[in-house]
Amino acid sequence: MWLIIALVTGQTVQGIIQQTWDTWIANLDEYTLEVLIASGVAGIIGYVIGMAASSIIMPLLDSKARIDFTFNPEIFLIATMLAIIVGIIAAFYPAYKATKLDPTVAFRTL
């Protein structure tokens, strides 16, 4: 989530410059594409790290238990989709706020 907010915030200057001739809808598709890519990659990385951490931590908690972690496509898709949804929600508000800024006021705050 913080990665998406950093991406959107980092493009504030670009958003301010484009604000003079672009509309809110025109800016939204650019942000949405970046959010989809960044959130999707973050979801995949999170799934892989979660599976690796589970296979390392579970034997430490119970030495008698043998748990096999296998790839489950349903859980993989759910985790990735949830990451994308959270990314879109986290990016929508800053992107909307950046498009509503007056360019002169935004430049003064930098």
N, C-alpha and C. Protein backbone atom coordinates (compact mmCIF):
# COMPACT_ATOMS: atom_id res chain seq x y z
N MET A 1 0.82 -1.18 0.00
CA MET A 1 0.00 0.00 0.00
C MET A 1 0.87 1.25 0.00
N TRP A 2 1.96 1.24 0.81
CA TRP A 2 2.83 2.41 0.86
C TRP A 2 3.57 2.61 -0.45
N LEU A 3 3.83 1.50 -1.17
CA LEU A 3 4.48 1.62 -2.46
C LEU A 3 3.61 2.37 -3.45
N ILE A 4 2.33 2.09 -3.43
CA ILE A 4 1.40 2.76 -4.34
C ILE A 4 1.30 4.24 -3.99
N ILE A 5 1.20 4.54 -2.70
CA ILE A 5 1.12 5.94 -2.28
C ILE A 5 2.40 6.68 -2.67
N ALA A 6 3.55 6.03 -2.55
CA ALA A 6 4.81 6.66 -2.94
C ALA A 6 4.86 6.89 -4.45
N LEU A 7 4.35 5.93 -5.23
CA LEU A 7 4.32 6.11 -6.69
C LEU A 7 3.45 7.30 -7.08
N VAL A 8 2.28 7.38 -6.48
CA VAL A 8 1.37 8.47 -6.83
C VAL A 8 1.91 9.80 -6.35
N THR A 9 2.46 9.83 -5.14
CA THR A 9 3.01 11.08 -4.60
C THR A 9 4.23 11.53 -5.40
N GLY A 10 5.03 10.58 -5.85
CA GLY A 10 6.21 10.92 -6.62
C GLY A 10 5.89 11.55 -7.96
N GLN A 11 4.71 11.31 -8.44
CA GLN A 11 4.31 11.87 -9.73
C GLN A 11 3.49 13.14 -9.58
N THR A 12 3.53 13.74 -8.42
CA THR A 12 2.75 14.96 -8.19
C THR A 12 3.18 16.08 -9.14
N VAL A 13 4.48 16.23 -9.32
CA VAL A 13 4.96 17.30 -10.21
C VAL A 13 4.49 17.04 -11.63
N GLN A 14 4.59 15.80 -12.06
CA GLN A 14 4.11 15.46 -13.40
C GLN A 14 2.61 15.69 -13.49
N GLY A 15 1.88 15.34 -12.45
CA GLY A 15 0.44 15.57 -12.43
C GLY A 15 0.08 17.04 -12.44
N ILE A 16 0.90 17.85 -11.76
CA ILE A 16 0.65 19.29 -11.74
C ILE A 16 0.85 19.89 -13.13
N ILE A 17 1.92 19.47 -13.80
CA ILE A 17 2.19 20.00 -15.13
C ILE A 17 1.09 19.57 -16.12
N GLN A 18 0.66 18.33 -16.03
CA GLN A 18 -0.36 17.84 -16.95
C GLN A 18 -1.74 18.38 -16.61
N GLN A 19 -1.92 18.85 -15.40
CA GLN A 19 -3.22 19.32 -14.96
C GLN A 19 -3.73 20.49 -15.80
N THR A 20 -2.82 21.26 -16.36
CA THR A 20 -3.25 22.44 -17.10
C THR A 20 -4.05 22.08 -18.34
N TRP A 21 -3.84 20.91 -18.91
CA TRP A 21 -4.60 20.56 -20.11
C TRP A 21 -5.27 19.19 -20.04
N ASP A 22 -4.99 18.38 -19.03
CA ASP A 22 -5.63 17.07 -18.91
C ASP A 22 -6.81 17.14 -17.96
N THR A 23 -7.72 16.22 -18.16
CA THR A 23 -8.86 16.12 -17.25
C THR A 23 -8.59 15.03 -16.23
N TRP A 24 -9.49 14.93 -15.26
CA TRP A 24 -9.33 13.93 -14.20
C TRP A 24 -9.38 12.52 -14.76
N ILE A 25 -10.23 12.28 -15.73
CA ILE A 25 -10.36 10.95 -16.33
C ILE A 25 -9.11 10.59 -17.11
N ALA A 26 -8.52 11.54 -17.82
CA ALA A 26 -7.32 11.26 -18.60
C ALA A 26 -6.16 10.88 -17.68
N ASN A 27 -6.04 11.50 -16.52
CA ASN A 27 -4.98 11.15 -15.58
C ASN A 27 -5.26 9.83 -14.88
N LEU A 28 -6.52 9.51 -14.69
CA LEU A 28 -6.88 8.32 -13.94
C LEU A 28 -6.42 7.04 -14.63
N ASP A 29 -6.48 6.98 -15.96
CA ASP A 29 -6.07 5.75 -16.63
C ASP A 29 -4.56 5.51 -16.52
N GLU A 30 -3.77 6.59 -16.50
CA GLU A 30 -2.32 6.44 -16.33
C GLU A 30 -2.00 5.90 -14.94
N TYR A 31 -2.63 6.44 -13.93
CA TYR A 31 -2.40 5.97 -12.57
C TYR A 31 -2.90 4.54 -12.40
N THR A 32 -4.04 4.23 -13.00
CA THR A 32 -4.62 2.91 -12.85
C THR A 32 -3.70 1.84 -13.43
N LEU A 33 -3.11 2.10 -14.56
CA LEU A 33 -2.19 1.13 -15.16
C LEU A 33 -0.98 0.89 -14.26
N GLU A 34 -0.41 1.94 -13.73
CA GLU A 34 0.74 1.78 -12.83
C GLU A 34 0.34 1.05 -11.55
N VAL A 35 -0.84 1.35 -11.05
CA VAL A 35 -1.31 0.69 -9.83
C VAL A 35 -1.54 -0.79 -10.09
N LEU A 36 -2.13 -1.14 -11.21
CA LEU A 36 -2.38 -2.54 -11.53
C LEU A 36 -1.07 -3.32 -11.62
N ILE A 37 -0.09 -2.75 -12.27
CA ILE A 37 1.20 -3.44 -12.41
C ILE A 37 1.90 -3.57 -11.07
N ALA A 38 2.02 -2.47 -10.34
CA ALA A 38 2.73 -2.49 -9.05
C ALA A 38 2.02 -3.38 -8.04
N SER A 39 0.70 -3.31 -7.98
CA SER A 39 -0.05 -4.12 -7.01
C SER A 39 -0.01 -5.60 -7.38
N GLY A 40 -0.10 -5.89 -8.66
CA GLY A 40 -0.03 -7.29 -9.09
C GLY A 40 1.31 -7.92 -8.76
N VAL A 41 2.38 -7.20 -9.04
CA VAL A 41 3.72 -7.70 -8.71
C VAL A 41 3.88 -7.85 -7.20
N ALA A 42 3.37 -6.87 -6.44
CA ALA A 42 3.45 -6.95 -4.98
C ALA A 42 2.65 -8.15 -4.44
N GLY A 43 1.50 -8.43 -5.04
CA GLY A 43 0.71 -9.59 -4.62
C GLY A 43 1.43 -10.90 -4.88
N ILE A 44 2.08 -11.01 -6.04
CA ILE A 44 2.83 -12.22 -6.38
C ILE A 44 4.01 -12.39 -5.44
N ILE A 45 4.75 -11.32 -5.20
CA ILE A 45 5.90 -11.38 -4.29
C ILE A 45 5.44 -11.72 -2.87
N GLY A 46 4.33 -11.12 -2.44
CA GLY A 46 3.80 -11.42 -1.11
C GLY A 46 3.38 -12.87 -0.95
N TYR A 47 2.80 -13.44 -2.00
CA TYR A 47 2.40 -14.85 -1.95
C TYR A 47 3.63 -15.74 -1.83
N VAL A 48 4.66 -15.46 -2.61
CA VAL A 48 5.87 -16.28 -2.58
C VAL A 48 6.56 -16.15 -1.22
N ILE A 49 6.67 -14.94 -0.70
CA ILE A 49 7.29 -14.74 0.61
C ILE A 49 6.48 -15.42 1.72
N GLY A 50 5.16 -15.33 1.63
CA GLY A 50 4.31 -15.99 2.62
C GLY A 50 4.46 -17.50 2.61
N MET A 51 4.54 -18.09 1.41
CA MET A 51 4.73 -19.55 1.33
C MET A 51 6.10 -19.94 1.87
N ALA A 52 7.13 -19.16 1.54
CA ALA A 52 8.48 -19.48 2.03
C ALA A 52 8.56 -19.32 3.55
N ALA A 53 7.97 -18.27 4.08
CA ALA A 53 8.00 -18.06 5.53
C ALA A 53 7.22 -19.15 6.25
N SER A 54 6.11 -19.57 5.68
CA SER A 54 5.33 -20.63 6.32
C SER A 54 6.10 -21.94 6.36
N SER A 55 6.79 -22.26 5.29
CA SER A 55 7.54 -23.52 5.27
C SER A 55 8.76 -23.48 6.19
N ILE A 56 9.24 -22.28 6.50
CA ILE A 56 10.37 -22.16 7.43
C ILE A 56 9.89 -22.14 8.88
N ILE A 57 8.81 -21.43 9.14
CA ILE A 57 8.35 -21.24 10.52
C ILE A 57 7.58 -22.45 11.07
N MET A 58 6.79 -23.11 10.26
CA MET A 58 5.97 -24.22 10.76
C MET A 58 6.78 -25.35 11.40
N PRO A 59 7.89 -25.80 10.82
CA PRO A 59 8.67 -26.83 11.52
C PRO A 59 9.25 -26.35 12.85
N LEU A 60 9.50 -25.06 12.98
CA LEU A 60 10.03 -24.54 14.25
C LEU A 60 8.97 -24.55 15.34
N LEU A 61 7.70 -24.39 14.97
CA LEU A 61 6.62 -24.35 15.95
C LEU A 61 6.23 -25.74 16.44
N ASP A 62 6.20 -26.69 15.53
CA ASP A 62 5.80 -28.05 15.90
C ASP A 62 6.68 -29.02 15.13
N SER A 63 7.64 -29.61 15.82
CA SER A 63 8.59 -30.48 15.14
C SER A 63 7.97 -31.80 14.70
N LYS A 64 6.85 -32.21 15.30
CA LYS A 64 6.21 -33.47 14.95
C LYS A 64 5.31 -33.35 13.73
N ALA A 65 4.81 -32.17 13.50
CA ALA A 65 3.87 -31.98 12.40
C ALA A 65 4.60 -31.88 11.06
N ARG A 66 4.05 -32.55 10.08
CA ARG A 66 4.59 -32.46 8.73
C ARG A 66 3.51 -31.85 7.84
N ILE A 67 3.76 -30.64 7.38
CA ILE A 67 2.80 -29.93 6.55
C ILE A 67 3.44 -29.66 5.20
N ASP A 68 2.76 -30.09 4.15
CA ASP A 68 3.25 -29.84 2.80
C ASP A 68 2.57 -28.61 2.25
N PHE A 69 3.36 -27.67 1.83
CA PHE A 69 2.83 -26.46 1.20
C PHE A 69 2.94 -26.62 -0.31
N THR A 70 1.80 -26.63 -0.94
CA THR A 70 1.77 -26.75 -2.39
C THR A 70 1.14 -25.50 -2.99
N PHE A 71 1.44 -25.29 -4.24
CA PHE A 71 0.88 -24.14 -4.95
C PHE A 71 -0.60 -24.37 -5.16
N ASN A 72 -1.41 -23.40 -4.69
CA ASN A 72 -2.85 -23.45 -4.86
C ASN A 72 -3.25 -22.27 -5.74
N PRO A 73 -3.70 -22.53 -6.98
CA PRO A 73 -4.01 -21.43 -7.89
C PRO A 73 -5.15 -20.53 -7.39
N GLU A 74 -6.10 -21.09 -6.67
CA GLU A 74 -7.22 -20.29 -6.17
C GLU A 74 -6.73 -19.27 -5.14
N ILE A 75 -5.91 -19.72 -4.21
CA ILE A 75 -5.39 -18.82 -3.19
C ILE A 75 -4.45 -17.80 -3.82
N PHE A 76 -3.68 -18.23 -4.81
CA PHE A 76 -2.78 -17.31 -5.52
C PHE A 76 -3.58 -16.21 -6.20
N LEU A 77 -4.65 -16.55 -6.88
CA LEU A 77 -5.48 -15.55 -7.56
C LEU A 77 -6.19 -14.63 -6.56
N ILE A 78 -6.68 -15.19 -5.47
CA ILE A 78 -7.35 -14.37 -4.45
C ILE A 78 -6.36 -13.39 -3.84
N ALA A 79 -5.14 -13.85 -3.52
CA ALA A 79 -4.13 -12.97 -2.92
C ALA A 79 -3.73 -11.86 -3.89
N THR A 80 -3.57 -12.22 -5.15
CA THR A 80 -3.18 -11.20 -6.14
C THR A 80 -4.30 -10.21 -6.37
N MET A 81 -5.54 -10.68 -6.47
CA MET A 81 -6.67 -9.78 -6.68
C MET A 81 -6.87 -8.86 -5.48
N LEU A 82 -6.72 -9.38 -4.27
CA LEU A 82 -6.84 -8.53 -3.09
C LEU A 82 -5.75 -7.46 -3.08
N ALA A 83 -4.54 -7.82 -3.48
CA ALA A 83 -3.46 -6.83 -3.55
C ALA A 83 -3.78 -5.75 -4.57
N ILE A 84 -4.35 -6.14 -5.70
CA ILE A 84 -4.71 -5.16 -6.73
C ILE A 84 -5.83 -4.25 -6.24
N ILE A 85 -6.83 -4.82 -5.57
CA ILE A 85 -7.94 -4.01 -5.06
C ILE A 85 -7.45 -3.01 -4.01
N VAL A 86 -6.61 -3.47 -3.10
CA VAL A 86 -6.06 -2.57 -2.08
C VAL A 86 -5.21 -1.49 -2.73
N GLY A 87 -4.44 -1.85 -3.75
CA GLY A 87 -3.63 -0.87 -4.46
C GLY A 87 -4.45 0.18 -5.15
N ILE A 88 -5.55 -0.22 -5.78
CA ILE A 88 -6.42 0.74 -6.45
C ILE A 88 -7.06 1.68 -5.44
N ILE A 89 -7.52 1.14 -4.34
CA ILE A 89 -8.14 1.98 -3.31
C ILE A 89 -7.11 2.94 -2.72
N ALA A 90 -5.88 2.44 -2.47
CA ALA A 90 -4.84 3.28 -1.89
C ALA A 90 -4.37 4.36 -2.85
N ALA A 91 -4.48 4.14 -4.15
CA ALA A 91 -4.00 5.11 -5.12
C ALA A 91 -5.09 6.07 -5.58
N PHE A 92 -6.33 5.70 -5.42
CA PHE A 92 -7.41 6.53 -5.96
C PHE A 92 -7.48 7.89 -5.27
N TYR A 93 -7.43 7.90 -3.96
CA TYR A 93 -7.59 9.17 -3.23
C TYR A 93 -6.45 10.15 -3.52
N PRO A 94 -5.16 9.75 -3.44
CA PRO A 94 -4.11 10.73 -3.76
C PRO A 94 -4.16 11.19 -5.22
N ALA A 95 -4.52 10.28 -6.14
CA ALA A 95 -4.61 10.68 -7.55
C ALA A 95 -5.75 11.66 -7.76
N TYR A 96 -6.86 11.40 -7.12
CA TYR A 96 -8.00 12.31 -7.23
C TYR A 96 -7.66 13.67 -6.62
N LYS A 97 -6.98 13.64 -5.48
CA LYS A 97 -6.60 14.88 -4.81
C LYS A 97 -5.59 15.67 -5.66
N ALA A 98 -4.66 14.98 -6.32
CA ALA A 98 -3.66 15.66 -7.15
C ALA A 98 -4.28 16.31 -8.37
N THR A 99 -5.30 15.69 -8.93
CA THR A 99 -5.93 16.27 -10.12
C THR A 99 -6.80 17.46 -9.77
N LYS A 100 -7.22 17.59 -8.54
CA LYS A 100 -8.06 18.72 -8.14
C LYS A 100 -7.25 19.92 -7.66
N LEU A 101 -5.93 19.78 -7.57
CA LEU A 101 -5.10 20.88 -7.10
C LEU A 101 -4.99 21.97 -8.15
N ASP A 102 -4.94 23.19 -7.68
CA ASP A 102 -4.63 24.32 -8.57
C ASP A 102 -3.12 24.29 -8.80
N PRO A 103 -2.65 24.35 -10.04
CA PRO A 103 -1.22 24.22 -10.29
C PRO A 103 -0.36 25.25 -9.57
N THR A 104 -0.81 26.47 -9.45
CA THR A 104 0.00 27.47 -8.77
C THR A 104 0.12 27.19 -7.27
N VAL A 105 -0.96 26.75 -6.67
CA VAL A 105 -0.92 26.41 -5.24
C VAL A 105 -0.04 25.18 -5.02
N ALA A 106 -0.12 24.20 -5.92
CA ALA A 106 0.68 23.00 -5.78
C ALA A 106 2.17 23.30 -5.91
N PHE A 107 2.54 24.19 -6.83
CA PHE A 107 3.95 24.55 -6.96
C PHE A 107 4.46 25.29 -5.73
N ARG A 108 3.63 26.07 -5.08
CA ARG A 108 4.04 26.77 -3.86
C ARG A 108 4.33 25.79 -2.73
N THR A 109 3.61 24.68 -2.67
CA THR A 109 3.80 23.71 -1.58
C THR A 109 5.06 22.87 -1.78
N LEU A 110 5.59 22.84 -2.98
CA LEU A 110 6.82 22.08 -3.21
C LEU A 110 7.97 22.83 -2.63
